Structures are given as C-alpha cells and as structure tokens.
Amino acid sequence: MKFIHYLETITGVSIYPLTSLMIFFLFFAVVATWAFKADKLYINSMKQIPFPENEN
C-alpha cells in the first residue's frame, strides 16, 4: 500500500502543508527583519569570529 493512502485516511490532513508554509514564511520574515534592523557593529564583529584580526 502506498503512503498516499495512509494520508488520505487522516481527517484534516490538508491543513498541514498550509501550516508548514506559514511557519516557514513567518520564520523567514522574522529573520529577515532582524537582519536588516541589527546593529552593523554587531554584524561586523560576528563576521570576524572565524578569522580574528589580532591573531598571528
């Protein structure tokens, strides 16, 4: 038996794709908003973490 037959027997299964899309969109919007409003000095300091300038 195919997996789609199991999904067809679940009542209200059609709401799950829409819910997951909304969660993804909200998360993406929040992260994008944070990235644009974040302090530029903080972003630059985080950018320098892998390669600090004062290390030999």
N, C-alpha and C. Protein backbone atom coordinates (compact mmCIF):
# COMPACT_ATOMS: atom_id res chain seq x y z
N MET A 1 0.84 -1.18 0.00
CA MET A 1 0.00 0.00 0.00
C MET A 1 0.89 1.24 0.00
N LYS A 2 0.51 2.22 -0.78
CA LYS A 2 1.30 3.42 -0.90
C LYS A 2 1.07 4.36 0.28
N PHE A 3 2.04 5.21 0.50
CA PHE A 3 1.98 6.15 1.61
C PHE A 3 0.83 7.14 1.45
N ILE A 4 0.48 7.50 0.22
CA ILE A 4 -0.60 8.47 -0.02
C ILE A 4 -1.93 7.95 0.50
N HIS A 5 -2.13 6.65 0.50
CA HIS A 5 -3.38 6.09 1.00
C HIS A 5 -3.50 6.29 2.51
N TYR A 6 -2.38 6.23 3.21
CA TYR A 6 -2.41 6.50 4.65
C TYR A 6 -2.78 7.95 4.91
N LEU A 7 -2.24 8.85 4.10
CA LEU A 7 -2.52 10.27 4.30
C LEU A 7 -3.99 10.59 3.99
N GLU A 8 -4.57 9.92 3.03
CA GLU A 8 -5.96 10.18 2.67
C GLU A 8 -6.92 9.79 3.78
N THR A 9 -6.51 8.89 4.65
CA THR A 9 -7.41 8.45 5.72
C THR A 9 -7.38 9.39 6.92
N ILE A 10 -6.41 10.29 6.99
CA ILE A 10 -6.32 11.23 8.11
C ILE A 10 -7.26 12.40 7.83
N THR A 11 -8.14 12.67 8.77
CA THR A 11 -9.05 13.80 8.58
C THR A 11 -8.31 15.10 8.83
N GLY A 12 -8.52 16.07 7.97
CA GLY A 12 -7.90 17.37 8.10
C GLY A 12 -6.44 17.42 7.72
N VAL A 13 -5.98 16.46 6.93
CA VAL A 13 -4.56 16.41 6.57
C VAL A 13 -4.19 17.56 5.63
N SER A 14 -5.14 18.15 4.97
CA SER A 14 -4.83 19.21 4.01
C SER A 14 -4.37 20.49 4.69
N ILE A 15 -4.56 20.63 5.98
CA ILE A 15 -4.15 21.84 6.69
C ILE A 15 -2.65 21.82 6.98
N TYR A 16 -2.01 20.67 7.03
CA TYR A 16 -0.59 20.58 7.39
C TYR A 16 0.34 21.27 6.38
N PRO A 17 0.15 21.12 5.08
CA PRO A 17 1.05 21.85 4.17
C PRO A 17 0.90 23.37 4.30
N LEU A 18 -0.31 23.84 4.47
CA LEU A 18 -0.53 25.27 4.63
C LEU A 18 0.08 25.78 5.93
N THR A 19 -0.05 25.00 6.99
CA THR A 19 0.52 25.38 8.28
C THR A 19 2.04 25.43 8.19
N SER A 20 2.65 24.46 7.57
CA SER A 20 4.11 24.44 7.47
C SER A 20 4.61 25.59 6.59
N LEU A 21 3.87 25.93 5.55
CA LEU A 21 4.25 27.07 4.71
C LEU A 21 4.17 28.37 5.50
N MET A 22 3.15 28.53 6.30
CA MET A 22 3.00 29.74 7.11
C MET A 22 4.11 29.84 8.16
N ILE A 23 4.46 28.73 8.79
CA ILE A 23 5.54 28.74 9.78
C ILE A 23 6.86 29.12 9.12
N PHE A 24 7.13 28.55 7.95
CA PHE A 24 8.35 28.88 7.21
C PHE A 24 8.37 30.35 6.84
N PHE A 25 7.27 30.88 6.33
CA PHE A 25 7.22 32.28 5.91
C PHE A 25 7.39 33.22 7.09
N LEU A 26 6.74 32.92 8.21
CA LEU A 26 6.88 33.77 9.39
C LEU A 26 8.31 33.75 9.92
N PHE A 27 8.92 32.57 9.96
CA PHE A 27 10.31 32.48 10.41
C PHE A 27 11.23 33.27 9.50
N PHE A 28 11.06 33.12 8.20
CA PHE A 28 11.88 33.85 7.23
C PHE A 28 11.68 35.35 7.37
N ALA A 29 10.45 35.80 7.56
CA ALA A 29 10.17 37.23 7.72
C ALA A 29 10.81 37.78 8.99
N VAL A 30 10.74 37.03 10.08
CA VAL A 30 11.33 37.48 11.34
C VAL A 30 12.85 37.56 11.22
N VAL A 31 13.47 36.57 10.63
CA VAL A 31 14.94 36.57 10.48
C VAL A 31 15.37 37.69 9.54
N ALA A 32 14.64 37.91 8.46
CA ALA A 32 14.98 38.99 7.52
C ALA A 32 14.83 40.35 8.20
N THR A 33 13.79 40.52 8.98
CA THR A 33 13.58 41.78 9.69
C THR A 33 14.71 42.01 10.69
N TRP A 34 15.08 40.96 11.43
CA TRP A 34 16.17 41.08 12.38
C TRP A 34 17.48 41.44 11.67
N ALA A 35 17.73 40.83 10.52
CA ALA A 35 18.98 41.07 9.80
C ALA A 35 19.07 42.52 9.32
N PHE A 36 17.97 43.08 8.89
CA PHE A 36 18.00 44.46 8.42
C PHE A 36 18.06 45.47 9.55
N LYS A 37 17.52 45.14 10.71
CA LYS A 37 17.50 46.07 11.83
C LYS A 37 18.64 45.86 12.81
N ALA A 38 19.44 44.84 12.62
CA ALA A 38 20.53 44.54 13.56
C ALA A 38 21.60 45.62 13.49
N ASP A 39 22.28 45.80 14.60
CA ASP A 39 23.36 46.77 14.69
C ASP A 39 24.51 46.34 13.77
N LYS A 40 25.00 47.25 12.96
CA LYS A 40 26.05 46.92 11.99
C LYS A 40 27.36 46.55 12.69
N LEU A 41 27.63 47.14 13.84
CA LEU A 41 28.84 46.76 14.58
C LEU A 41 28.76 45.32 15.07
N TYR A 42 27.58 44.91 15.50
CA TYR A 42 27.38 43.51 15.94
C TYR A 42 27.58 42.56 14.76
N ILE A 43 27.03 42.90 13.61
CA ILE A 43 27.17 42.05 12.42
C ILE A 43 28.64 41.94 12.04
N ASN A 44 29.37 43.05 12.07
CA ASN A 44 30.80 43.01 11.72
C ASN A 44 31.61 42.20 12.72
N SER A 45 31.27 42.31 14.01
CA SER A 45 32.00 41.53 15.00
C SER A 45 31.71 40.03 14.84
N MET A 46 30.50 39.67 14.49
CA MET A 46 30.17 38.26 14.26
C MET A 46 30.84 37.75 12.98
N LYS A 47 30.99 38.64 12.02
CA LYS A 47 31.63 38.26 10.77
C LYS A 47 33.11 37.96 10.97
N GLN A 48 33.74 38.60 11.95
CA GLN A 48 35.16 38.43 12.20
C GLN A 48 35.49 37.25 13.12
N ILE A 49 34.49 36.55 13.64
CA ILE A 49 34.74 35.45 14.58
C ILE A 49 35.64 34.36 14.00
N PRO A 50 35.41 33.88 12.78
CA PRO A 50 36.28 32.79 12.30
C PRO A 50 37.74 33.22 12.11
N PHE A 51 37.97 34.49 11.78
CA PHE A 51 39.32 34.97 11.49
C PHE A 51 39.58 36.28 12.23
N PRO A 52 39.90 36.20 13.50
CA PRO A 52 40.17 37.44 14.23
C PRO A 52 41.42 38.13 13.68
N GLU A 53 41.40 39.45 13.64
CA GLU A 53 42.50 40.22 13.03
C GLU A 53 43.75 40.23 13.90
N ASN A 54 43.63 40.12 15.22
CA ASN A 54 44.78 40.27 16.07
C ASN A 54 45.48 38.95 16.40
N GLU A 55 45.17 37.90 15.69
CA GLU A 55 45.81 36.61 15.92
C GLU A 55 46.95 36.42 14.93
N ASN A 56 48.02 35.77 15.35
CA ASN A 56 49.18 35.56 14.46
C ASN A 56 48.98 34.34 13.64
